[in-house]
């Protein structure tokens, strides 16, 4: 009976995960009203999940339904990290544009300001999440094996997801907002 249960759960996950990702993308698009910004957040999700994959590998856990639930939760937290970072970057850039500062130095200042404002809150969020998950990872009571497999992707992802949102999203935002300069043509 366990194998049949696992097969049914796997079949349901093959439907639930893509539907969840599509719903996340639609919500992101509704928030940002720009396809490229919603796509930026969605593109960061696989990279944020790398920490969870590594920790599952290091702990010799198999990919199971419980681990998939952990990855879904990690994807939600990672998307939230990215959304808030992008909102802070956009707000800082909009303030600069309202002041008439649209040069590249102002864009860099806005990105620095927006990213720096997120360092302490992000560190606090990660610390609280890890403080809540470490007891689950080391627990030995009834059901602890399942709970450990749910918590493992989250713990691993709390290493990579914040780093990704602190370094990669601002860099990609810079590339997205940088003004295109005409390519000089040489005279010959």
Protein backbone atom coordinates (compact mmCIF):
# COMPACT_ATOMS: atom_id res chain seq x y z
CA UNK A 1 0.00 0.00 0.00
CA UNK A 2 2.89 2.42 0.63
CA UNK A 3 4.16 2.22 -2.94
CA UNK A 4 0.67 2.98 -4.33
CA UNK A 5 0.36 5.92 -1.94
CA UNK A 6 3.72 7.26 -3.09
CA UNK A 7 2.73 6.88 -6.75
CA UNK A 8 -0.55 8.75 -6.19
CA UNK A 9 1.23 11.51 -4.27
CA UNK A 10 3.86 11.84 -6.99
CA UNK A 11 1.16 12.09 -9.65
CA UNK A 12 -0.61 14.81 -7.67
CA UNK A 13 2.65 16.73 -7.19
CA UNK A 14 3.20 16.68 -10.97
CA UNK A 15 -0.01 18.67 -11.24
CA UNK A 16 0.19 20.79 -8.08
CA UNK A 17 3.74 22.09 -8.52
CA UNK A 18 3.30 23.53 -12.06
CA UNK A 19 -0.08 24.98 -11.08
CA UNK A 20 1.48 26.57 -8.00
CA UNK A 21 4.30 28.06 -10.07
CA UNK A 22 1.80 29.42 -12.60
CA UNK A 23 -0.27 31.01 -9.83
CA UNK A 24 2.89 32.56 -8.34
CA UNK A 25 3.83 33.98 -11.74
CA UNK A 26 0.35 35.45 -12.29
CA UNK A 27 0.40 37.05 -8.83
CA UNK A 28 3.87 38.48 -9.49
CA UNK A 29 2.69 39.89 -12.80
CA UNK A 30 -0.31 41.48 -11.08
CA UNK A 31 1.98 43.04 -8.46
CA UNK A 32 4.64 44.42 -10.80
CA UNK A 33 2.62 44.96 -14.00
CA UNK A 34 5.79 44.05 -15.93
CA UNK A 35 6.58 40.70 -17.45
CA UNK A 36 10.35 40.98 -17.02
CA UNK A 37 10.14 41.71 -13.30
CA UNK A 38 7.81 38.76 -12.69
CA UNK A 39 10.12 36.61 -14.81
CA UNK A 40 13.13 37.80 -12.78
CA UNK A 41 11.57 36.55 -9.54
CA UNK A 42 10.55 33.26 -11.16
CA UNK A 43 14.02 32.77 -12.65
CA UNK A 44 15.62 33.11 -9.24
CA UNK A 45 13.54 30.30 -7.72
CA UNK A 46 15.57 27.37 -9.11
CA UNK A 47 18.81 28.97 -7.93
CA UNK A 48 17.38 29.53 -4.46
CA UNK A 49 16.45 25.85 -4.25
CA UNK A 50 20.08 24.79 -4.75
CA UNK A 51 20.83 25.05 -1.02
CA UNK A 52 17.96 22.71 -0.24
CA UNK A 53 19.17 20.19 -2.81
CA UNK A 54 22.69 20.30 -1.37
CA UNK A 55 21.48 19.76 2.18
CA UNK A 56 19.28 16.85 1.13
CA UNK A 57 22.32 15.32 -0.57
CA UNK A 58 24.61 15.93 2.43
CA UNK A 59 22.06 14.37 4.80
CA UNK A 60 21.54 11.43 2.39
CA UNK A 61 17.79 12.09 2.23
CA UNK A 62 15.90 10.86 -0.81
CA UNK A 63 13.58 13.18 -2.66
CA UNK A 64 10.20 12.34 -1.17
CA UNK A 65 6.77 13.88 -0.88
CA UNK A 66 7.85 15.45 2.42
CA UNK A 67 10.95 16.95 0.79
CA UNK A 68 8.80 18.25 -2.07
CA UNK A 69 6.58 20.00 0.48
CA UNK A 70 9.73 21.56 1.96
CA UNK A 71 10.80 22.75 -1.49
CA UNK A 72 7.37 24.29 -2.11
CA UNK A 73 7.64 26.18 1.18
CA UNK A 74 11.19 27.26 0.30
CA UNK A 75 10.01 28.51 -3.10
CA UNK A 76 7.40 30.65 -1.35
CA UNK A 77 9.93 32.17 1.03
CA UNK A 78 12.40 32.72 -1.79
CA UNK A 79 9.76 34.43 -3.92
CA UNK A 80 8.88 36.64 -0.96
CA UNK A 81 12.55 37.58 -0.53
CA UNK A 82 12.79 38.48 -4.20
CA UNK A 83 9.52 40.43 -4.28
CA UNK A 84 10.43 42.58 -1.30
CA UNK A 85 13.95 43.22 -2.63
CA UNK A 86 12.55 44.22 -6.01
CA UNK A 87 9.98 46.51 -4.39
CA UNK A 88 12.69 48.28 -2.40
CA UNK A 89 14.87 48.66 -5.50
CA UNK A 90 11.97 50.02 -7.55
CA UNK A 91 10.96 52.44 -4.79
CA UNK A 92 14.50 53.83 -4.46
CA UNK A 93 14.79 54.19 -8.25
CA UNK A 94 11.37 55.89 -8.53
CA UNK A 95 12.45 58.41 -5.86
CA UNK A 96 15.57 59.22 -7.89
CA UNK A 97 13.56 59.57 -11.10
CA UNK A 98 11.08 61.91 -9.36
CA UNK A 99 14.05 64.13 -8.45
CA UNK A 100 15.09 64.16 -12.12
CA UNK A 101 18.12 61.94 -11.53
CA UNK A 102 18.07 59.35 -14.29
CA UNK A 103 21.77 58.84 -14.94
CA UNK A 104 23.60 55.60 -14.25
CA UNK A 105 25.22 56.90 -11.04
CA UNK A 106 21.76 57.64 -9.63
CA UNK A 107 20.62 54.16 -10.62
CA UNK A 108 23.60 52.64 -8.80
CA UNK A 109 22.89 54.78 -5.73
CA UNK A 110 19.24 53.72 -5.78
CA UNK A 111 20.20 50.05 -6.02
CA UNK A 112 22.68 50.39 -3.16
CA UNK A 113 20.11 52.19 -1.03
CA UNK A 114 17.35 49.67 -1.75
CA UNK A 115 19.57 46.65 -1.16
CA UNK A 116 21.15 47.99 2.03
CA UNK A 117 17.72 48.70 3.52
CA UNK A 118 16.95 44.98 3.21
CA UNK A 119 20.09 43.55 4.88
CA UNK A 120 18.98 43.69 8.52
CA UNK A 121 15.35 42.60 7.96
CA UNK A 122 16.50 39.74 5.75
CA UNK A 123 19.09 38.61 8.30
CA UNK A 124 16.46 38.70 11.03
CA UNK A 125 13.98 36.73 8.91
CA UNK A 126 16.56 34.07 8.10
CA UNK A 127 17.63 33.84 11.75
CA UNK A 128 14.05 33.34 12.91
CA UNK A 129 13.31 30.74 10.24
CA UNK A 130 16.48 28.82 11.10
CA UNK A 131 15.75 29.09 14.83
CA UNK A 132 12.39 27.49 14.18
CA UNK A 133 13.70 24.78 11.88
CA UNK A 134 16.81 23.61 13.75
CA UNK A 135 14.81 21.97 16.56
CA UNK A 136 12.80 20.13 13.90
CA UNK A 137 16.01 18.99 12.21
CA UNK A 138 17.40 17.58 15.47
CA UNK A 139 14.11 16.26 16.86
CA UNK A 140 13.78 12.56 17.66
CA UNK A 141 10.10 12.20 18.57
CA UNK A 142 7.22 10.61 16.73
CA UNK A 143 7.09 11.72 13.10
CA UNK A 144 10.48 13.39 13.28
CA UNK A 145 11.75 11.54 10.18
CA UNK A 146 9.03 13.13 8.04
CA UNK A 147 9.40 16.56 9.62
CA UNK A 148 13.18 16.48 9.09
CA UNK A 149 12.65 15.89 5.38
CA UNK A 150 10.28 18.84 5.22
CA UNK A 151 12.67 21.10 7.16
CA UNK A 152 15.89 20.10 5.35
CA UNK A 153 15.17 21.94 2.07
CA UNK A 154 14.16 25.02 4.03
CA UNK A 155 17.33 25.01 6.13
CA UNK A 156 19.56 24.55 3.08
CA UNK A 157 17.64 27.15 1.13
CA UNK A 158 18.01 29.71 3.90
CA UNK A 159 21.69 29.81 2.96
CA UNK A 160 21.30 30.35 -0.79
CA UNK A 161 17.99 32.23 -1.10
CA UNK A 162 19.01 35.32 0.93
CA UNK A 163 22.39 35.52 -0.81
CA UNK A 164 20.69 35.29 -4.17
CA UNK A 165 18.23 38.05 -3.37
CA UNK A 166 20.94 40.28 -1.91
CA UNK A 167 23.42 39.98 -4.78
CA UNK A 168 21.82 38.61 -7.94
CA UNK A 169 18.50 40.48 -7.97
CA UNK A 170 20.14 43.93 -7.59
CA UNK A 171 22.67 43.07 -10.31
CA UNK A 172 19.97 41.91 -12.72
CA UNK A 173 17.85 44.95 -11.85
CA UNK A 174 20.80 47.14 -12.78
CA UNK A 175 21.06 45.39 -16.14
CA UNK A 176 17.31 45.76 -16.71
CA UNK A 177 17.24 49.49 -15.89
CA UNK A 178 20.55 50.58 -17.37
CA UNK A 179 19.94 52.99 -20.21
CA UNK A 180 20.89 51.64 -23.57
CA UNK A 181 23.63 53.66 -25.15
CA UNK A 182 23.95 53.78 -28.92
CA UNK A 183 26.80 51.73 -30.26
CA UNK A 184 29.38 54.10 -31.73
CA UNK A 185 30.06 53.59 -35.38
CA UNK A 186 33.56 54.12 -36.54
CA UNK A 187 34.34 56.15 -39.62
CA UNK A 188 36.69 54.53 -41.95
